[in-house]
PDB file of N, CA and C in Angstrom:
ATOM      1  N   UNK A   1     -25.235  21.501 -13.968  1.00  0.00           N
ATOM      2  CA  UNK A   1     -23.919  21.794 -13.421  1.00  0.00           C
ATOM      3  C   UNK A   1     -23.650  20.826 -12.264  1.00  0.00           C
ATOM      4  N   UNK A   2     -22.492  20.143 -12.267  1.00  0.00           N
ATOM      5  CA  UNK A   2     -22.191  19.200 -11.184  1.00  0.00           C
ATOM      6  C   UNK A   2     -21.956  19.939  -9.873  1.00  0.00           C
ATOM      7  N   UNK A   3     -22.383  19.311  -8.778  1.00  0.00           N
ATOM      8  CA  UNK A   3     -22.155  19.931  -7.478  1.00  0.00           C
ATOM      9  C   UNK A   3     -20.732  19.647  -7.004  1.00  0.00           C
ATOM     10  N   UNK A   4     -20.365  20.227  -5.852  1.00  0.00           N
ATOM     11  CA  UNK A   4     -18.995  20.108  -5.362  1.00  0.00           C
ATOM     12  C   UNK A   4     -18.643  18.684  -4.966  1.00  0.00           C
ATOM     13  N   UNK A   5     -19.613  17.904  -4.513  1.00  0.00           N
ATOM     14  CA  UNK A   5     -19.348  16.516  -4.135  1.00  0.00           C
ATOM     15  C   UNK A   5     -18.910  15.707  -5.343  1.00  0.00           C
ATOM     16  N   UNK A   6     -19.594  15.885  -6.463  1.00  0.00           N
ATOM     17  CA  UNK A   6     -19.220  15.167  -7.681  1.00  0.00           C
ATOM     18  C   UNK A   6     -17.851  15.613  -8.176  1.00  0.00           C
ATOM     19  N   UNK A   7     -17.546  16.892  -8.077  1.00  0.00           N
ATOM     20  CA  UNK A   7     -16.243  17.386  -8.501  1.00  0.00           C
ATOM     21  C   UNK A   7     -15.140  16.827  -7.623  1.00  0.00           C
ATOM     22  N   UNK A   8     -15.390  16.728  -6.324  1.00  0.00           N
ATOM     23  CA  UNK A   8     -14.385  16.190  -5.404  1.00  0.00           C
ATOM     24  C   UNK A   8     -14.111  14.727  -5.705  1.00  0.00           C
ATOM     25  N   UNK A   9     -15.137  13.968  -6.076  1.00  0.00           N
ATOM     26  CA  UNK A   9     -14.952  12.562  -6.383  1.00  0.00           C
ATOM     27  C   UNK A   9     -14.142  12.374  -7.655  1.00  0.00           C
ATOM     28  N   UNK A  10     -14.275  13.246  -8.611  1.00  0.00           N
ATOM     29  CA  UNK A  10     -13.547  13.096  -9.862  1.00  0.00           C
ATOM     30  C   UNK A  10     -12.119  13.613  -9.772  1.00  0.00           C
ATOM     31  N   UNK A  11     -11.807  14.417  -8.755  1.00  0.00           N
ATOM     32  CA  UNK A  11     -10.456  14.961  -8.641  1.00  0.00           C
ATOM     33  C   UNK A  11      -9.628  14.286  -7.551  1.00  0.00           C
ATOM     34  N   UNK A  12     -10.168  13.274  -6.895  1.00  0.00           N
ATOM     35  CA  UNK A  12      -9.415  12.568  -5.865  1.00  0.00           C
ATOM     36  C   UNK A  12      -8.257  11.807  -6.500  1.00  0.00           C
ATOM     37  N   UNK A  13      -7.101  11.898  -5.875  1.00  0.00           N
ATOM     38  CA  UNK A  13      -5.922  11.157  -6.301  1.00  0.00           C
ATOM     39  C   UNK A  13      -5.450  10.375  -5.094  1.00  0.00           C
ATOM     40  N   UNK A  14      -5.481   9.059  -5.211  1.00  0.00           N
ATOM     41  CA  UNK A  14      -5.162   8.205  -4.071  1.00  0.00           C
ATOM     42  C   UNK A  14      -3.753   7.650  -4.175  1.00  0.00           C
ATOM     43  N   UNK A  15      -3.299   7.035  -3.098  1.00  0.00           N
ATOM     44  CA  UNK A  15      -1.997   6.368  -3.084  1.00  0.00           C
ATOM     45  C   UNK A  15      -1.991   5.246  -4.122  1.00  0.00           C
ATOM     46  N   UNK A  16      -3.109   4.546  -4.264  1.00  0.00           N
ATOM     47  CA  UNK A  16      -3.191   3.491  -5.284  1.00  0.00           C
ATOM     48  C   UNK A  16      -3.021   4.056  -6.680  1.00  0.00           C
ATOM     49  N   UNK A  17      -3.554   5.258  -6.936  1.00  0.00           N
ATOM     50  CA  UNK A  17      -3.367   5.914  -8.229  1.00  0.00           C
ATOM     51  C   UNK A  17      -1.890   6.201  -8.468  1.00  0.00           C
ATOM     52  N   UNK A  18      -1.214   6.676  -7.429  1.00  0.00           N
ATOM     53  CA  UNK A  18       0.211   6.991  -7.558  1.00  0.00           C
ATOM     54  C   UNK A  18       1.041   5.724  -7.765  1.00  0.00           C
ATOM     55  N   UNK A  19       0.657   4.634  -7.109  1.00  0.00           N
ATOM     56  CA  UNK A  19       1.358   3.370  -7.323  1.00  0.00           C
ATOM     57  C   UNK A  19       1.143   2.883  -8.758  1.00  0.00           C
ATOM     58  N   UNK A  20      -0.057   3.092  -9.277  1.00  0.00           N
ATOM     59  CA  UNK A  20      -0.329   2.720 -10.667  1.00  0.00           C
ATOM     60  C   UNK A  20       0.514   3.550 -11.625  1.00  0.00           C
ATOM     61  N   UNK A  21       0.665   4.834 -11.326  1.00  0.00           N
ATOM     62  CA  UNK A  21       1.513   5.689 -12.167  1.00  0.00           C
ATOM     63  C   UNK A  21       2.958   5.217 -12.167  1.00  0.00           C
ATOM     64  N   UNK A  22       3.428   4.781 -11.024  1.00  0.00           N
ATOM     65  CA  UNK A  22       4.799   4.269 -10.934  1.00  0.00           C
ATOM     66  C   UNK A  22       4.966   3.044 -11.834  1.00  0.00           C
ATOM     67  N   UNK A  23       3.992   2.148 -11.803  1.00  0.00           N
ATOM     68  CA  UNK A  23       4.036   0.954 -12.647  1.00  0.00           C
ATOM     69  C   UNK A  23       3.973   1.340 -14.122  1.00  0.00           C
ATOM     70  N   UNK A  24       3.124   2.308 -14.443  1.00  0.00           N
ATOM     71  CA  UNK A  24       2.992   2.757 -15.837  1.00  0.00           C
ATOM     72  C   UNK A  24       4.306   3.339 -16.341  1.00  0.00           C
ATOM     73  N   UNK A  25       4.956   4.165 -15.524  1.00  0.00           N
ATOM     74  CA  UNK A  25       6.248   4.736 -15.924  1.00  0.00           C
ATOM     75  C   UNK A  25       7.272   3.630 -16.140  1.00  0.00           C
ATOM     76  N   UNK A  26       7.303   2.658 -15.234  1.00  0.00           N
ATOM     77  CA  UNK A  26       8.245   1.551 -15.352  1.00  0.00           C
ATOM     78  C   UNK A  26       8.006   0.764 -16.642  1.00  0.00           C
ATOM     79  N   UNK A  27       6.747   0.435 -16.904  1.00  0.00           N
ATOM     80  CA  UNK A  27       6.433  -0.323 -18.123  1.00  0.00           C
ATOM     81  C   UNK A  27       6.747   0.476 -19.382  1.00  0.00           C
ATOM     82  N   UNK A  28       6.370   1.741 -19.382  1.00  0.00           N
ATOM     83  CA  UNK A  28       6.608   2.567 -20.566  1.00  0.00           C
ATOM     84  C   UNK A  28       8.101   2.727 -20.846  1.00  0.00           C
ATOM     85  N   UNK A  29       8.887   2.916 -19.798  1.00  0.00           N
ATOM     86  CA  UNK A  29      10.327   3.076 -20.025  1.00  0.00           C
ATOM     87  C   UNK A  29      10.966   1.773 -20.482  1.00  0.00           C
ATOM     88  N   UNK A  30      10.494   0.636 -19.949  1.00  0.00           N
ATOM     89  CA  UNK A  30      11.064  -0.643 -20.377  1.00  0.00           C
ATOM     90  C   UNK A  30      10.676  -0.989 -21.812  1.00  0.00           C
ATOM     91  N   UNK A  31       9.593  -0.398 -22.306  1.00  0.00           N
ATOM     92  CA  UNK A  31       9.151  -0.653 -23.684  1.00  0.00           C
ATOM     93  C   UNK A  31       9.636   0.411 -24.658  1.00  0.00           C
ATOM     94  N   UNK A  32      10.472   1.325 -24.185  1.00  0.00           N
ATOM     95  CA  UNK A  32      11.066   2.329 -25.070  1.00  0.00           C
ATOM     96  C   UNK A  32      10.122   3.450 -25.457  1.00  0.00           C
ATOM     97  N   UNK A  33       9.184   3.798 -24.616  1.00  0.00           N
ATOM     98  CA  UNK A  33       8.196   4.826 -24.948  1.00  0.00           C
ATOM     99  C   UNK A  33       8.748   6.244 -24.831  1.00  0.00           C
ATOM    100  N   UNK A  34       9.898   6.395 -24.179  1.00  0.00           N
ATOM    101  CA  UNK A  34      10.462   7.720 -23.978  1.00  0.00           C
ATOM    102  C   UNK A  34      11.702   7.896 -24.829  1.00  0.00           C
ATOM    103  N   UNK A  35      11.883   9.104 -25.340  1.00  0.00           N
ATOM    104  CA  UNK A  35      13.075   9.430 -26.111  1.00  0.00           C
ATOM    105  C   UNK A  35      14.251   9.564 -25.149  1.00  0.00           C
ATOM    106  N   UNK A  36      15.468   9.330 -25.640  1.00  0.00           N
ATOM    107  CA  UNK A  36      16.644   9.447 -24.763  1.00  0.00           C
ATOM    108  C   UNK A  36      16.742  10.804 -24.071  1.00  0.00           C
ATOM    109  N   UNK A  37      16.333  11.858 -24.741  1.00  0.00           N
ATOM    110  CA  UNK A  37      16.414  13.190 -24.128  1.00  0.00           C
ATOM    111  C   UNK A  37      15.370  13.383 -23.026  1.00  0.00           C
ATOM    112  N   UNK A  38      14.370  12.530 -22.977  1.00  0.00           N
ATOM    113  CA  UNK A  38      13.321  12.621 -21.962  1.00  0.00           C
ATOM    114  C   UNK A  38      13.619  11.748 -20.734  1.00  0.00           C
ATOM    115  N   UNK A  39      14.571  10.854 -20.849  1.00  0.00           N
ATOM    116  CA  UNK A  39      14.811   9.867 -19.790  1.00  0.00           C
ATOM    117  C   UNK A  39      15.244  10.492 -18.461  1.00  0.00           C
ATOM    118  N   UNK A  40      15.989  11.584 -18.493  1.00  0.00           N
ATOM    119  CA  UNK A  40      16.419  12.214 -17.247  1.00  0.00           C
ATOM    120  C   UNK A  40      15.203  12.715 -16.471  1.00  0.00           C
ATOM    121  N   UNK A  41      14.304  13.417 -17.141  1.00  0.00           N
ATOM    122  CA  UNK A  41      13.104  13.944 -16.475  1.00  0.00           C
ATOM    123  C   UNK A  41      12.209  12.812 -15.994  1.00  0.00           C
ATOM    124  N   UNK A  42      12.068  11.777 -16.794  1.00  0.00           N
ATOM    125  CA  UNK A  42      11.249  10.630 -16.406  1.00  0.00           C
ATOM    126  C   UNK A  42      11.867   9.936 -15.194  1.00  0.00           C
ATOM    127  N   UNK A  43      13.176   9.744 -15.215  1.00  0.00           N
ATOM    128  CA  UNK A  43      13.864   9.089 -14.108  1.00  0.00           C
ATOM    129  C   UNK A  43      13.777   9.884 -12.821  1.00  0.00           C
ATOM    130  N   UNK A  44      13.932  11.191 -12.900  1.00  0.00           N
ATOM    131  CA  UNK A  44      13.844  12.034 -11.707  1.00  0.00           C
ATOM    132  C   UNK A  44      12.434  12.001 -11.127  1.00  0.00           C
ATOM    133  N   UNK A  45      11.437  12.057 -12.000  1.00  0.00           N
ATOM    134  CA  UNK A  45      10.043  12.008 -11.543  1.00  0.00           C
ATOM    135  C   UNK A  45       9.734  10.655 -10.924  1.00  0.00           C
ATOM    136  N   UNK A  46      10.216   9.593 -11.548  1.00  0.00           N
ATOM    137  CA  UNK A  46      10.005   8.239 -11.028  1.00  0.00           C
ATOM    138  C   UNK A  46      10.642   8.089  -9.647  1.00  0.00           C
ATOM    139  N   UNK A  47      11.843   8.617  -9.476  1.00  0.00           N
ATOM    140  CA  UNK A  47      12.544   8.536  -8.195  1.00  0.00           C
ATOM    141  C   UNK A  47      11.792   9.307  -7.117  1.00  0.00           C
ATOM    142  N   UNK A  48      11.310  10.506  -7.440  1.00  0.00           N
ATOM    143  CA  UNK A  48      10.548  11.294  -6.475  1.00  0.00           C
ATOM    144  C   UNK A  48       9.256  10.579  -6.092  1.00  0.00           C
ATOM    145  N   UNK A  49       8.573  10.010  -7.066  1.00  0.00           N
ATOM    146  CA  UNK A  49       7.333   9.285  -6.814  1.00  0.00           C
ATOM    147  C   UNK A  49       7.597   8.057  -5.952  1.00  0.00           C
ATOM    148  N   UNK A  50       8.637   7.329  -6.270  1.00  0.00           N
ATOM    149  CA  UNK A  50       8.997   6.136  -5.513  1.00  0.00           C
ATOM    150  C   UNK A  50       9.358   6.481  -4.069  1.00  0.00           C
ATOM    151  N   UNK A  51      10.120   7.541  -3.877  1.00  0.00           N
ATOM    152  CA  UNK A  51      10.497   7.973  -2.534  1.00  0.00           C
ATOM    153  C   UNK A  51       9.267   8.386  -1.737  1.00  0.00           C
ATOM    154  N   UNK A  52       8.353   9.112  -2.374  1.00  0.00           N
ATOM    155  CA  UNK A  52       7.119   9.523  -1.707  1.00  0.00           C
ATOM    156  C   UNK A  52       6.292   8.312  -1.293  1.00  0.00           C
ATOM    157  N   UNK A  53       6.141   7.345  -2.185  1.00  0.00           N
ATOM    158  CA  UNK A  53       5.354   6.151  -1.872  1.00  0.00           C
ATOM    159  C   UNK A  53       6.008   5.332  -0.762  1.00  0.00           C
ATOM    160  N   UNK A  54       7.328   5.248  -0.758  1.00  0.00           N
ATOM    161  CA  UNK A  54       8.039   4.537   0.314  1.00  0.00           C
ATOM    162  C   UNK A  54       7.818   5.227   1.662  1.00  0.00           C
ATOM    163  N   UNK A  55       7.836   6.561   1.670  1.00  0.00           N
ATOM    164  CA  UNK A  55       7.616   7.320   2.892  1.00  0.00           C
ATOM    165  C   UNK A  55       6.197   7.108   3.413  1.00  0.00           C
ATOM    166  N   UNK A  56       5.227   7.132   2.519  1.00  0.00           N
ATOM    167  CA  UNK A  56       3.834   6.909   2.911  1.00  0.00           C
ATOM    168  C   UNK A  56       3.661   5.494   3.454  1.00  0.00           C
ATOM    169  N   UNK A  57       4.269   4.525   2.801  1.00  0.00           N
ATOM    170  CA  UNK A  57       4.155   3.133   3.252  1.00  0.00           C
ATOM    171  C   UNK A  57       4.784   2.953   4.633  1.00  0.00           C
ATOM    172  N   UNK A  58       5.875   3.644   4.894  1.00  0.00           N
ATOM    173  CA  UNK A  58       6.538   3.539   6.198  1.00  0.00           C
ATOM    174  C   UNK A  58       5.697   4.178   7.302  1.00  0.00           C
ATOM    175  N   UNK A  59       4.905   5.176   6.963  1.00  0.00           N
ATOM    176  CA  UNK A  59       4.071   5.854   7.949  1.00  0.00           C
ATOM    177  C   UNK A  59       2.777   5.108   8.231  1.00  0.00           C
ATOM    178  N   UNK A  60       2.312   4.281   7.322  1.00  0.00           N
ATOM    179  CA  UNK A  60       1.032   3.592   7.483  1.00  0.00           C
ATOM    180  C   UNK A  60       0.965   2.739   8.743  1.00  0.00           C
ATOM    181  N   UNK A  61       1.908   1.837   9.017  1.00  0.00           N
ATOM    182  CA  UNK A  61       1.800   1.026  10.227  1.00  0.00           C
ATOM    183  C   UNK A  61       1.849   1.868  11.501  1.00  0.00           C
ATOM    184  N   UNK A  62       2.573   2.958  11.495  1.00  0.00           N
ATOM    185  CA  UNK A  62       2.689   3.800  12.677  1.00  0.00           C
ATOM    186  C   UNK A  62       1.384   4.528  12.968  1.00  0.00           C
ATOM    187  N   UNK A  63       0.597   4.807  11.943  1.00  0.00           N
ATOM    188  CA  UNK A  63      -0.645   5.548  12.128  1.00  0.00           C
ATOM    189  C   UNK A  63      -1.811   4.642  12.497  1.00  0.00           C
ATOM    190  N   UNK A  64      -1.749   3.359  12.186  1.00  0.00           N
ATOM    191  CA  UNK A  64      -2.860   2.454  12.436  1.00  0.00           C
ATOM    192  C   UNK A  64      -2.556   1.621  13.676  1.00  0.00           C
ATOM    193  N   UNK A  65      -3.283   1.871  14.788  1.00  0.00           N
ATOM    194  CA  UNK A  65      -3.045   1.065  15.989  1.00  0.00           C
ATOM    195  C   UNK A  65      -3.488  -0.371  15.764  1.00  0.00           C
ATOM    196  N   UNK A  66      -2.758  -1.283  16.343  1.00  0.00           N
ATOM    197  CA  UNK A  66      -3.090  -2.701  16.225  1.00  0.00           C
ATOM    198  C   UNK A  66      -4.337  -2.990  17.043  1.00  0.00           C
ATOM    199  N   UNK A  67      -5.176  -3.896  16.586  1.00  0.00           N
ATOM    200  CA  UNK A  67      -6.361  -4.258  17.366  1.00  0.00           C
ATOM    201  C   UNK A  67      -5.946  -4.851  18.711  1.00  0.00           C
ATOM    202  N   UNK A  68      -6.770  -4.667  19.720  1.00  0.00           N
ATOM    203  CA  UNK A  68      -6.458  -5.137  21.068  1.00  0.00           C
ATOM    204  C   UNK A  68      -6.257  -6.647  21.104  1.00  0.00           C
ATOM    205  N   UNK A  69      -7.034  -7.381  20.320  1.00  0.00           N
ATOM    206  CA  UNK A  69      -6.906  -8.838  20.312  1.00  0.00           C
ATOM    207  C   UNK A  69      -5.550  -9.266  19.758  1.00  0.00           C
ATOM    208  N   UNK A  70      -5.010  -8.499  18.840  1.00  0.00           N
ATOM    209  CA  UNK A  70      -3.724  -8.854  18.241  1.00  0.00           C
ATOM    210  C   UNK A  70      -2.566  -8.521  19.176  1.00  0.00           C
ATOM    211  N   UNK A  71      -2.766  -7.603  20.116  1.00  0.00           N
ATOM    212  CA  UNK A  71      -1.687  -7.201  21.008  1.00  0.00           C
ATOM    213  C   UNK A  71      -1.447  -8.208  22.120  1.00  0.00           C
ATOM    214  N   UNK A  72      -2.490  -8.907  22.571  1.00  0.00           N
ATOM    215  CA  UNK A  72      -2.352  -9.836  23.677  1.00  0.00           C
ATOM    216  C   UNK A  72      -2.441 -11.261  23.159  1.00  0.00           C
ATOM    217  N   UNK A  73      -1.396 -12.060  23.366  1.00  0.00           N
ATOM    218  CA  UNK A  73      -1.453 -13.433  22.879  1.00  0.00           C
ATOM    219  C   UNK A  73      -2.513 -14.227  23.639  1.00  0.00           C
ATOM    220  N   UNK A  74      -3.215 -15.055  22.935  1.00  0.00           N
ATOM    221  CA  UNK A  74      -4.248 -15.891  23.528  1.00  0.00           C
ATOM    222  C   UNK A  74      -3.634 -17.206  23.982  1.00  0.00           C
ATOM    223  N   UNK A  75      -4.055 -17.731  25.130  1.00  0.00           N
ATOM    224  CA  UNK A  75      -3.534 -19.030  25.561  1.00  0.00           C
ATOM    225  C   UNK A  75      -4.030 -20.114  24.613  1.00  0.00           C
ATOM    226  N   UNK A  76      -3.235 -21.160  24.420  1.00  0.00           N
ATOM    227  CA  UNK A  76      -3.659 -22.218  23.504  1.00  0.00           C
ATOM    228  C   UNK A  76      -4.900 -22.921  24.033  1.00  0.00           C
ATOM    229  N   UNK A  77      -5.720 -23.373  23.125  1.00  0.00           N
ATOM    230  CA  UNK A  77      -6.929 -24.109  23.507  1.00  0.00           C
ATOM    231  C   UNK A  77      -6.521 -25.464  24.056  1.00  0.00           C
ATOM    232  N   UNK A  78      -7.233 -25.970  25.070  1.00  0.00           N
ATOM    233  CA  UNK A  78      -6.870 -27.283  25.617  1.00  0.00           C
ATOM    234  C   UNK A  78      -7.096 -28.373  24.577  1.00  0.00           C
ATOM    235  N   UNK A  79      -6.229 -29.344  24.604  1.00  0.00           N
ATOM    236  CA  UNK A  79      -6.328 -30.476  23.688  1.00  0.00           C
ATOM    237  C   UNK A  79      -7.355 -31.453  24.247  1.00  0.00           C
ATOM    238  N   UNK A  80      -8.464 -31.613  23.561  1.00  0.00           N
ATOM    239  CA  UNK A  80      -9.559 -32.457  24.045  1.00  0.00           C
ATOM    240  C   UNK A  80      -9.141 -33.910  24.123  1.00  0.00           C
ATOM    241  N   UNK A  81      -8.349 -34.389  23.186  1.00  0.00           N
ATOM    242  CA  UNK A  81      -7.949 -35.785  23.188  1.00  0.00           C
ATOM    243  C   UNK A  81      -7.058 -36.094  24.386  1.00  0.00           C
ATOM    244  N   UNK A  82      -6.203 -35.169  24.798  1.00  0.00           N
ATOM    245  CA  UNK A  82      -5.350 -35.371  25.961  1.00  0.00           C
ATOM    246  C   UNK A  82      -6.195 -35.396  27.228  1.00  0.00           C
ATOM    247  N   UNK A  83      -7.177 -34.524  27.320  1.00  0.00           N
ATOM    248  CA  UNK A  83      -8.027 -34.454  28.506  1.00  0.00           C
ATOM    249  C   UNK A  83      -8.840 -35.731  28.652  1.00  0.00           C
ATOM    250  N   UNK A  84      -9.316 -36.288  27.559  1.00  0.00           N
ATOM    251  CA  UNK A  84     -10.112 -37.518  27.608  1.00  0.00           C
ATOM    252  C   UNK A  84      -9.224 -38.707  27.977  1.00  0.00           C
ATOM    253  N   UNK A  85      -8.044 -38.774  27.416  1.00  0.00           N
ATOM    254  CA  UNK A  85      -7.147 -39.900  27.655  1.00  0.00           C
ATOM    255  C   UNK A  85      -6.638 -39.917  29.093  1.00  0.00           C
ATOM    256  N   UNK A  86      -6.456 -38.762  29.690  1.00  0.00           N
ATOM    257  CA  UNK A  86      -5.933 -38.723  31.055  1.00  0.00           C
ATOM    258  C   UNK A  86      -7.047 -38.702  32.100  1.00  0.00           C
ATOM    259  N   UNK A  87      -8.274 -38.616  31.641  1.00  0.00           N
ATOM    260  CA  UNK A  87      -9.412 -38.601  32.550  1.00  0.00           C
ATOM    261  C   UNK A  87      -9.648 -37.259  33.195  1.00  0.00           C
ATOM    262  N   UNK A  88      -9.067 -36.197  32.661  1.00  0.00           N
ATOM    263  CA  UNK A  88      -9.236 -34.867  33.237  1.00  0.00           C
ATOM    264  C   UNK A  88     -10.521 -34.226  32.783  1.00  0.00           C
TER     265      UNK A  88
END
């Protein structure tokens, strides 16, 4: 019998999985995989999925603080050729 850790690993659904589903729906609909009577439900689900993914993407930068090195600009390195030519 699998333990709970193995079950949790097999039931994880990630943002990447949801993005893949969005691509699959797009490809399937463009290839005519859905009947005309199914298109409304497929379109509504696709729109909800797309809106959810857009919301998650908008929240990602706000949740991840920028590294300290990226926040403070570094002064440019001195040009060695200029220092040698001027005798500095």
